[in-house]
Amino acid sequence: MAQPAAYIVDALRTAGGRRNGKLAGWHPADLGGAVLDAIVARSGIDPAAIEDVIMGCVSQGGEQAFQIGRNAVLASGLPESVPAVSIDRQCGSSQQAIQFAAQAVMSGTQDVVIAAGVESMTRVPMFSTGKLFQDAGLGVAKSPGQERRYPGIAFSQFVGAEMMARKYGLSRDDLDRYALESHRRAAAAAERGDFDAEIVPLEIQTPEGPALHRIDEGIRFDTSLEAIGGVKTLQEGGVVTAANASQICDGASAVLVVSEAALKAHGLTPLARIHNLTVTAGDPVIMLEEPLIATERALRKAGMTIGEIDLYEVNEAFASVPLAWLKHSGADPEKLNVHGGAIALGHPLGASGTKLMATLVHALRRRGARYGLQTMCEAGGVANVTIVERL
């Protein structure tokens, strides 16, 4: 008997907002609710048919506290009968939401699930949830048990990014040139309208009055290698800078995942079938290397080679990650992040997984390509890989 399949019917995202930028006026629950409403409206599915919402979010405090997934449902037009859960796999939170949704569908447990993510890095700043508790004298995340195993180590993605650059022989110039290409590709994609099918326009207030936010605010349409090269490194003697790392970003995204039975019952047309789900973990100190290992495992499990994949989305947390991934995998750089990545478009933490999937499935469709692979590094040395097949 063939294994039950999970299908992606649609995938949407907001255009990214810079810190204190165009989406700063949106409460994250409302931001999440907006993409839920949009994906239901565009798919045409009966909202009462949705059996669960799985929402990724990293900084689950303040306005993102008290179960942001459920709060987003209650801020949306979905009926109260739609349950939700909030999950945190750090930067891979909403990619994991896709995988949990697919597993629910493939197991026969549920037929219609929305995987989603939201992060307002303006209103709930990165690291604020830990810092507020620490400043209040309520302790720190690293336990005595962890300290015994990793004595004196302060787990840091910034340190990990430098370690990746050293390990894979990447210079400051390599990282800066990659960052420039991210902006160039993102700018070209925006100007061609390549993002139009995946972006949910949101109403914002501007000094000139109400407007619709449709274009990723982080894209620097006129940047240059000189401008990127002029940014100081994050640590003395290092190669990582704010210009060759992902941008702080506000945003939300959603992917509708359904069973074959739901396709027929609701008259839905899928964009893609989920072909492989993989998650692995490794060294939490270098931290960001795991997508390299996870990709190997995913391809092995899928019985595929890297050359059989038509497009790759490798999250640009830092330029050293996709560059190391290219070196390790032997992948074609022309297939990698073809519309730019988080260096130009922003990395709204818990929303990035479903955001990248929205970009990937629409790019596959537009190009008539078949297979896409998505992966991202995650704090703690974890990585998800999802392979999809366009239909």
Protein backbone atom coordinates (compact mmCIF):
# COMPACT_ATOMS: atom_id res chain seq x y z
CA MET A 1 0.00 0.00 0.00
CA ALA A 2 1.31 3.45 -0.94
CA GLN A 3 2.16 5.77 1.93
CA PRO A 4 -0.44 8.54 2.37
CA ALA A 5 0.76 11.84 0.95
CA ALA A 6 0.68 15.41 2.24
CA TYR A 7 0.04 18.22 -0.22
CA ILE A 8 0.73 21.96 -0.13
CA VAL A 9 -2.31 23.79 -1.47
CA ASP A 10 -0.97 27.30 -0.99
CA ALA A 11 1.82 29.17 0.75
CA LEU A 12 1.77 32.86 1.59
CA ARG A 13 3.81 35.42 3.49
CA THR A 14 3.82 39.07 4.35
CA ALA A 15 6.47 41.32 2.88
CA GLY A 16 9.17 41.75 5.49
CA GLY A 17 9.31 44.82 7.69
CA ARG A 18 12.54 46.24 9.09
CA ARG A 19 13.00 46.80 12.81
CA ASN A 20 10.81 49.77 13.75
CA GLY A 21 9.74 49.82 10.13
CA LYS A 22 6.55 49.40 8.15
CA LEU A 23 5.08 46.50 10.16
CA ALA A 24 5.97 47.91 13.58
CA GLY A 25 2.37 48.99 14.08
CA TRP A 26 1.04 45.44 13.78
CA HIS A 27 0.51 43.37 16.92
CA PRO A 28 2.01 39.91 16.21
CA ALA A 29 -1.27 38.10 16.92
CA ASP A 30 -2.97 40.30 14.31
CA LEU A 31 -0.05 39.74 11.94
CA GLY A 32 -0.43 35.98 12.31
CA GLY A 33 -4.18 36.27 11.98
CA ALA A 34 -3.84 38.18 8.72
CA VAL A 35 -1.94 35.36 6.97
CA LEU A 36 -4.40 32.77 8.33
CA ASP A 37 -7.28 34.75 6.85
CA ALA A 38 -5.43 35.21 3.56
CA ILE A 39 -4.60 31.56 3.02
CA VAL A 40 -8.17 30.48 3.83
CA ALA A 41 -9.62 33.11 1.52
CA ARG A 42 -7.32 32.30 -1.38
CA SER A 43 -7.71 28.53 -1.13
CA GLY A 44 -11.48 28.85 -0.83
CA ILE A 45 -11.61 26.17 1.86
CA ASP A 46 -14.32 26.24 4.50
CA PRO A 47 -12.52 27.70 7.55
CA ALA A 48 -14.44 25.31 9.81
CA ALA A 49 -12.68 22.42 8.02
CA ILE A 50 -9.28 23.42 9.44
CA GLU A 51 -8.37 20.88 12.08
CA ASP A 52 -5.32 22.61 13.53
CA VAL A 53 -2.99 25.57 13.23
CA ILE A 54 0.66 24.91 14.09
CA MET A 55 2.45 28.22 14.52
CA GLY A 56 6.18 28.73 14.92
CA CYS A 57 7.43 31.59 17.07
CA VAL A 58 10.80 31.96 18.79
CA SER A 59 10.39 34.81 21.28
CA GLN A 60 7.27 33.65 23.08
CA GLY A 61 6.95 36.48 25.55
CA GLY A 62 5.21 39.84 25.80
CA GLU A 63 2.87 40.27 22.85
CA GLN A 64 3.86 36.79 21.65
CA ALA A 65 3.12 35.11 24.99
CA PHE A 66 0.09 33.10 26.12
CA GLN A 67 0.02 30.78 23.08
CA ILE A 68 0.53 33.03 20.09
CA GLY A 69 -0.87 30.39 17.72
CA ARG A 70 -4.23 30.36 19.45
CA ASN A 71 -4.14 34.14 19.83
CA ALA A 72 -3.61 34.49 16.07
CA VAL A 73 -6.65 32.29 15.43
CA LEU A 74 -8.70 34.43 17.83
CA ALA A 75 -7.47 37.59 16.08
CA SER A 76 -8.47 36.17 12.68
CA GLY A 77 -11.79 35.44 11.03
CA LEU A 78 -11.44 31.71 11.70
CA PRO A 79 -14.10 30.14 13.91
CA GLU A 80 -13.34 29.56 17.58
CA SER A 81 -13.53 25.83 16.86
CA VAL A 82 -10.12 25.90 15.13
CA PRO A 83 -7.43 24.81 17.61
CA ALA A 84 -3.81 25.95 17.49
CA VAL A 85 -0.45 25.27 19.06
CA SER A 86 2.75 27.32 19.26
CA ILE A 87 6.11 25.64 18.73
CA ASP A 88 9.73 26.70 19.09
CA ARG A 89 12.51 25.02 17.17
CA GLN A 90 14.32 28.35 17.07
CA CYS A 91 14.88 29.58 13.50
CA GLY A 92 13.33 26.39 12.12
CA SER A 93 10.10 26.77 14.09
CA SER A 94 7.71 27.15 11.17
CA GLN A 95 9.63 24.72 8.96
CA GLN A 96 9.02 22.25 11.77
CA ALA A 97 5.37 23.38 11.73
CA ILE A 98 5.21 22.24 8.09
CA GLN A 99 6.74 18.90 9.04
CA PHE A 100 4.37 18.38 11.97
CA ALA A 101 1.43 19.29 9.74
CA ALA A 102 2.62 16.86 7.08
CA GLN A 103 3.10 14.12 9.67
CA ALA A 104 -0.45 14.66 10.98
CA VAL A 105 -1.84 14.38 7.46
CA MET A 106 0.34 11.43 6.43
CA SER A 107 -0.60 9.53 9.59
CA GLY A 108 -4.29 9.94 8.81
CA THR A 109 -4.82 11.81 12.08
CA GLN A 110 -5.93 15.02 10.38
CA ASP A 111 -6.78 16.13 6.84
CA VAL A 112 -6.46 19.93 6.86
CA VAL A 113 -3.74 21.73 8.84
CA ILE A 114 -2.25 25.19 8.52
CA ALA A 115 1.47 25.46 9.30
CA ALA A 116 2.38 29.05 10.05
CA GLY A 117 4.85 31.34 11.74
CA VAL A 118 4.99 34.84 13.14
CA GLU A 119 7.66 37.07 14.65
CA SER A 120 7.62 40.75 15.45
CA MET A 121 11.26 41.39 16.18
CA THR A 122 10.39 45.05 16.71
CA ARG A 123 7.82 44.46 19.43
CA VAL A 124 9.40 41.37 21.02
CA PRO A 125 13.15 41.83 20.40
CA MET A 126 15.48 38.89 19.91
CA PHE A 127 16.86 37.53 23.21
CA SER A 128 14.40 39.67 25.21
CA THR A 129 12.60 36.71 26.76
CA GLY A 130 15.79 35.39 28.35
CA LYS A 131 17.20 38.80 29.22
CA LEU A 132 14.09 40.01 31.04
CA PHE A 133 14.10 36.95 33.30
CA GLN A 134 17.84 37.20 33.89
CA ASP A 135 17.61 40.90 34.72
CA ALA A 136 14.81 40.13 37.16
CA GLY A 137 17.03 37.63 38.97
CA LEU A 138 15.02 34.64 37.77
CA GLY A 139 17.90 32.62 36.36
CA VAL A 140 19.46 31.79 33.02
CA ALA A 141 18.84 29.13 30.37
CA LYS A 142 22.16 27.29 30.71
CA SER A 143 21.84 24.67 33.42
CA PRO A 144 24.46 23.12 35.70
CA GLY A 145 24.17 19.93 33.66
CA GLN A 146 24.91 21.79 30.45
CA GLU A 147 27.80 23.60 32.12
CA ARG A 148 29.37 20.28 33.12
CA ARG A 149 29.12 19.07 29.53
CA TYR A 150 30.11 22.38 27.87
CA PRO A 151 32.21 24.19 30.50
CA GLY A 152 32.73 27.89 29.94
CA ILE A 153 30.92 27.92 26.61
CA ALA A 154 28.36 30.62 25.93
CA PHE A 155 26.43 29.20 22.99
CA SER A 156 26.41 31.90 20.32
CA GLN A 157 25.25 31.95 16.72
CA PHE A 158 27.68 34.80 16.04
CA VAL A 159 30.61 32.70 17.25
CA GLY A 160 29.24 29.80 15.21
CA ALA A 161 29.15 31.92 12.06
CA GLU A 162 32.81 32.85 12.51
CA MET A 163 33.69 29.19 13.17
CA MET A 164 31.90 28.20 9.95
CA ALA A 165 33.84 30.78 7.94
CA ARG A 166 37.18 29.56 9.34
CA LYS A 167 36.35 25.86 8.90
CA TYR A 168 35.28 26.26 5.27
CA GLY A 169 37.92 28.78 4.25
CA LEU A 170 35.57 31.71 3.66
CA SER A 171 37.01 35.22 3.57
CA ARG A 172 35.36 38.54 4.37
CA ASP A 173 35.29 39.22 0.63
CA ASP A 174 33.52 35.89 -0.01
CA LEU A 175 30.82 36.77 2.53
CA ASP A 176 30.40 40.33 1.28
CA ARG A 177 30.13 39.26 -2.36
CA TYR A 178 27.52 36.70 -1.40
CA ALA A 179 25.57 39.38 0.50
CA LEU A 180 25.68 41.69 -2.50
CA GLU A 181 24.31 38.92 -4.72
CA SER A 182 21.48 38.31 -2.24
CA HIS A 183 20.40 41.94 -2.56
CA ARG A 184 20.80 41.89 -6.35
CA ARG A 185 18.67 38.77 -6.73
CA ALA A 186 16.02 40.04 -4.31
CA ALA A 187 15.86 43.42 -6.04
CA ALA A 188 15.52 41.82 -9.46
CA ALA A 189 12.82 39.45 -8.20
CA ALA A 190 10.86 42.30 -6.63
CA GLU A 191 11.11 44.41 -9.79
CA ARG A 192 9.94 41.49 -11.96
CA GLY A 193 6.99 40.84 -9.64
CA ASP A 194 8.24 37.36 -8.75
CA PHE A 195 7.06 37.73 -5.15
CA ASP A 196 3.56 38.94 -6.01
CA ALA A 197 1.93 35.49 -5.88
CA GLU A 198 3.26 34.79 -2.38
CA ILE A 199 2.86 38.16 -0.65
CA VAL A 200 -0.18 39.14 1.41
CA PRO A 201 -0.53 42.95 1.16
CA LEU A 202 -1.07 44.51 4.58
CA GLU A 203 -2.51 47.92 5.35
CA ILE A 204 -0.06 50.20 7.12
CA GLN A 205 -0.05 53.80 8.23
CA THR A 206 2.46 56.14 6.62
CA PRO A 207 3.04 59.90 6.98
CA GLU A 208 1.12 60.24 3.71
CA GLY A 209 -1.80 58.18 5.01
CA PRO A 210 -2.89 54.52 4.70
CA ALA A 211 -0.96 52.34 2.24
CA LEU A 212 -0.44 48.66 1.39
CA HIS A 213 2.86 47.02 2.34
CA ARG A 214 3.82 44.81 -0.61
CA ILE A 215 7.62 45.03 -1.00
CA ASP A 216 10.19 43.58 1.39
CA GLU A 217 11.58 46.54 3.25
CA GLY A 218 15.09 45.14 3.72
CA ILE A 219 16.06 45.00 0.07
CA ARG A 220 18.79 47.53 -0.72
CA PHE A 221 18.16 48.18 -4.40
CA ASP A 222 21.25 50.34 -4.84
CA THR A 223 23.79 48.70 -2.54
CA SER A 224 27.38 48.04 -3.61
CA LEU A 225 30.30 45.89 -2.59
CA GLU A 226 31.96 49.05 -1.23
CA ALA A 227 28.96 49.84 0.99
CA ILE A 228 28.77 46.27 2.31
CA GLY A 229 32.54 46.17 2.78
CA GLY A 230 32.45 49.35 4.83
CA VAL A 231 30.46 47.77 7.67
CA LYS A 232 32.59 46.83 10.68
CA THR A 233 32.94 43.23 11.78
CA LEU A 234 30.99 41.99 14.80
CA GLN A 235 34.20 40.87 16.49
CA GLU A 236 37.75 42.09 16.09
CA GLY A 237 39.64 40.09 13.50
CA GLY A 238 36.44 38.40 12.33
CA VAL A 239 34.67 38.31 8.97
CA VAL A 240 30.98 38.43 9.96
CA THR A 241 29.20 41.79 9.82
CA ALA A 242 25.63 43.02 10.03
CA ALA A 243 25.75 43.45 6.24
CA ASN A 244 26.62 39.81 5.48
CA ALA A 245 24.17 38.40 8.02
CA SER A 246 20.38 38.19 8.02
CA GLN A 247 18.32 41.27 8.79
CA ILE A 248 16.09 41.66 11.83
CA CYS A 249 12.58 41.45 10.42
CA ASP A 250 8.88 41.51 11.27
CA GLY A 251 6.63 39.14 9.38
CA ALA A 252 4.24 36.21 9.22
CA SER A 253 3.67 33.33 6.80
CA ALA A 254 1.45 30.28 6.33
CA VAL A 255 1.27 27.01 4.38
CA LEU A 256 -1.93 24.99 3.90
CA VAL A 257 -1.19 21.25 4.15
CA VAL A 258 -3.89 18.70 3.30
CA SER A 259 -4.48 15.02 2.55
CA GLU A 260 -5.56 13.52 -0.76
CA ALA A 261 -9.03 13.03 0.69
CA ALA A 262 -9.22 16.74 1.53
CA LEU A 263 -8.16 17.68 -1.99
CA LYS A 264 -11.16 15.80 -3.35
CA ALA A 265 -13.61 16.78 -0.62
CA HIS A 266 -12.90 20.51 -0.92
CA GLY A 267 -12.07 20.73 -4.62
CA LEU A 268 -8.52 21.94 -3.97
CA THR A 269 -5.61 22.03 -6.44
CA PRO A 270 -2.19 21.38 -4.86
CA LEU A 271 0.97 23.33 -5.63
CA ALA A 272 3.28 20.59 -4.39
CA ARG A 273 3.60 17.24 -2.67
CA ILE A 274 5.85 16.88 0.36
CA HIS A 275 8.50 14.37 -0.65
CA ASN A 276 10.78 14.12 2.38
CA LEU A 277 10.88 15.33 5.99
CA THR A 278 14.18 15.29 7.87
CA VAL A 279 15.48 16.78 11.09
CA THR A 280 18.93 16.18 12.57
CA ALA A 281 21.09 17.59 15.35
CA GLY A 282 24.81 17.87 15.96
CA ASP A 283 27.46 20.14 17.47
CA PRO A 284 25.74 22.96 19.43
CA VAL A 285 28.93 25.05 19.60
CA ILE A 286 29.59 25.57 15.88
CA MET A 287 25.77 25.39 15.86
CA LEU A 288 25.13 26.45 12.25
CA GLU A 289 26.75 23.53 10.41
CA GLU A 290 23.93 21.03 10.74
CA PRO A 291 22.11 21.87 7.45
CA LEU A 292 25.10 20.30 5.66
CA ILE A 293 24.67 16.99 7.47
CA ALA A 294 20.87 17.12 7.39
CA THR A 295 20.86 17.64 3.62
CA GLU A 296 23.02 14.54 3.14
CA ARG A 297 20.63 12.48 5.25
CA ALA A 298 17.52 13.84 3.54
CA LEU A 299 18.86 13.07 0.07
CA ARG A 300 19.90 9.58 1.16
CA LYS A 301 16.45 8.89 2.63
CA ALA A 302 14.77 10.26 -0.50
CA GLY A 303 17.04 8.22 -2.80
CA MET A 304 18.09 11.39 -4.58
CA THR A 305 21.25 13.28 -5.49
CA ILE A 306 21.79 17.01 -5.06
CA GLY A 307 21.80 17.34 -8.85
CA GLU A 308 18.20 16.11 -9.04
CA ILE A 309 17.01 19.08 -6.99
CA ASP A 310 16.01 22.04 -9.15
CA LEU A 311 15.95 24.83 -6.51
CA TYR A 312 17.39 25.17 -3.01
CA GLU A 313 16.36 27.53 -0.23
CA VAL A 314 19.11 27.59 2.41
CA ASN A 315 18.38 30.21 5.05
CA GLU A 316 20.88 33.05 5.00
CA ALA A 317 21.22 33.42 8.74
CA PHE A 318 24.83 34.35 7.94
CA ALA A 319 26.51 34.25 4.54
CA SER A 320 28.91 31.62 5.84
CA VAL A 321 26.06 29.09 6.13
CA PRO A 322 24.87 28.85 2.49
CA LEU A 323 28.46 29.22 1.25
CA ALA A 324 29.62 26.33 3.45
CA TRP A 325 26.55 24.35 2.36
CA LEU A 326 27.48 24.89 -1.30
CA LYS A 327 31.05 23.74 -0.70
CA HIS A 328 29.95 20.66 1.21
CA SER A 329 27.09 19.61 -1.05
CA GLY A 330 28.58 20.41 -4.44
CA ALA A 331 25.31 22.10 -5.34
CA ASP A 332 24.90 24.52 -8.24
CA PRO A 333 25.07 28.11 -6.89
CA GLU A 334 22.72 29.23 -9.67
CA LYS A 335 19.95 27.14 -8.09
CA LEU A 336 20.51 28.49 -4.57
CA ASN A 337 18.27 31.22 -3.15
CA VAL A 338 17.45 32.40 -6.66
CA HIS A 339 15.37 35.32 -5.35
CA GLY A 340 17.83 36.33 -2.66
CA GLY A 341 17.53 35.36 0.96
CA ALA A 342 17.42 36.60 4.52
CA ILE A 343 20.43 38.90 4.04
CA ALA A 344 18.23 41.01 1.75
CA LEU A 345 14.69 39.93 2.63
CA GLY A 346 15.00 39.58 6.41
CA HIS A 347 14.77 36.65 8.83
CA PRO A 348 11.63 36.91 10.96
CA LEU A 349 12.80 33.97 13.14
CA GLY A 350 9.72 31.84 13.80
CA ALA A 351 8.11 32.88 10.51
CA SER A 352 11.08 32.08 8.28
CA GLY A 353 10.35 28.39 7.70
CA THR A 354 6.93 28.87 6.11
CA LYS A 355 8.22 32.08 4.48
CA LEU A 356 10.97 30.20 2.64
CA MET A 357 8.52 27.49 1.63
CA ALA A 358 6.22 30.12 0.13
CA THR A 359 9.11 31.46 -1.94
CA LEU A 360 10.25 27.97 -2.92
CA VAL A 361 6.94 26.50 -4.11
CA HIS A 362 6.01 29.59 -6.10
CA ALA A 363 9.47 29.70 -7.70
CA LEU A 364 9.17 26.04 -8.70
CA ARG A 365 5.79 26.71 -10.23
CA ARG A 366 6.91 29.81 -12.11
CA ARG A 367 9.96 28.03 -13.56
CA GLY A 368 8.19 24.76 -14.32
CA ALA A 369 10.78 23.01 -12.12
CA ARG A 370 10.07 19.78 -10.24
CA TYR A 371 11.97 19.37 -6.96
CA GLY A 372 12.84 21.91 -4.28
CA LEU A 373 14.84 21.55 -1.07
CA GLN A 374 14.62 23.83 1.95
CA THR A 375 16.91 23.82 4.97
CA MET A 376 17.93 26.13 7.77
CA CYS A 377 20.33 26.23 10.68
CA GLU A 378 18.81 26.40 14.14
CA ALA A 379 20.16 27.27 17.57
CA GLY A 380 21.43 24.27 19.49
CA GLY A 381 22.94 22.65 16.40
CA VAL A 382 19.66 21.47 14.84
CA ALA A 383 18.52 21.57 11.19
CA ASN A 384 15.37 20.73 9.25
CA VAL A 385 15.27 19.69 5.59
CA THR A 386 12.07 19.52 3.59
CA ILE A 387 11.99 18.29 -0.01
CA VAL A 388 8.91 19.07 -2.11
CA GLU A 389 7.78 18.06 -5.58
CA ARG A 390 5.85 20.59 -7.66
CA LEU A 391 2.61 19.25 -9.11
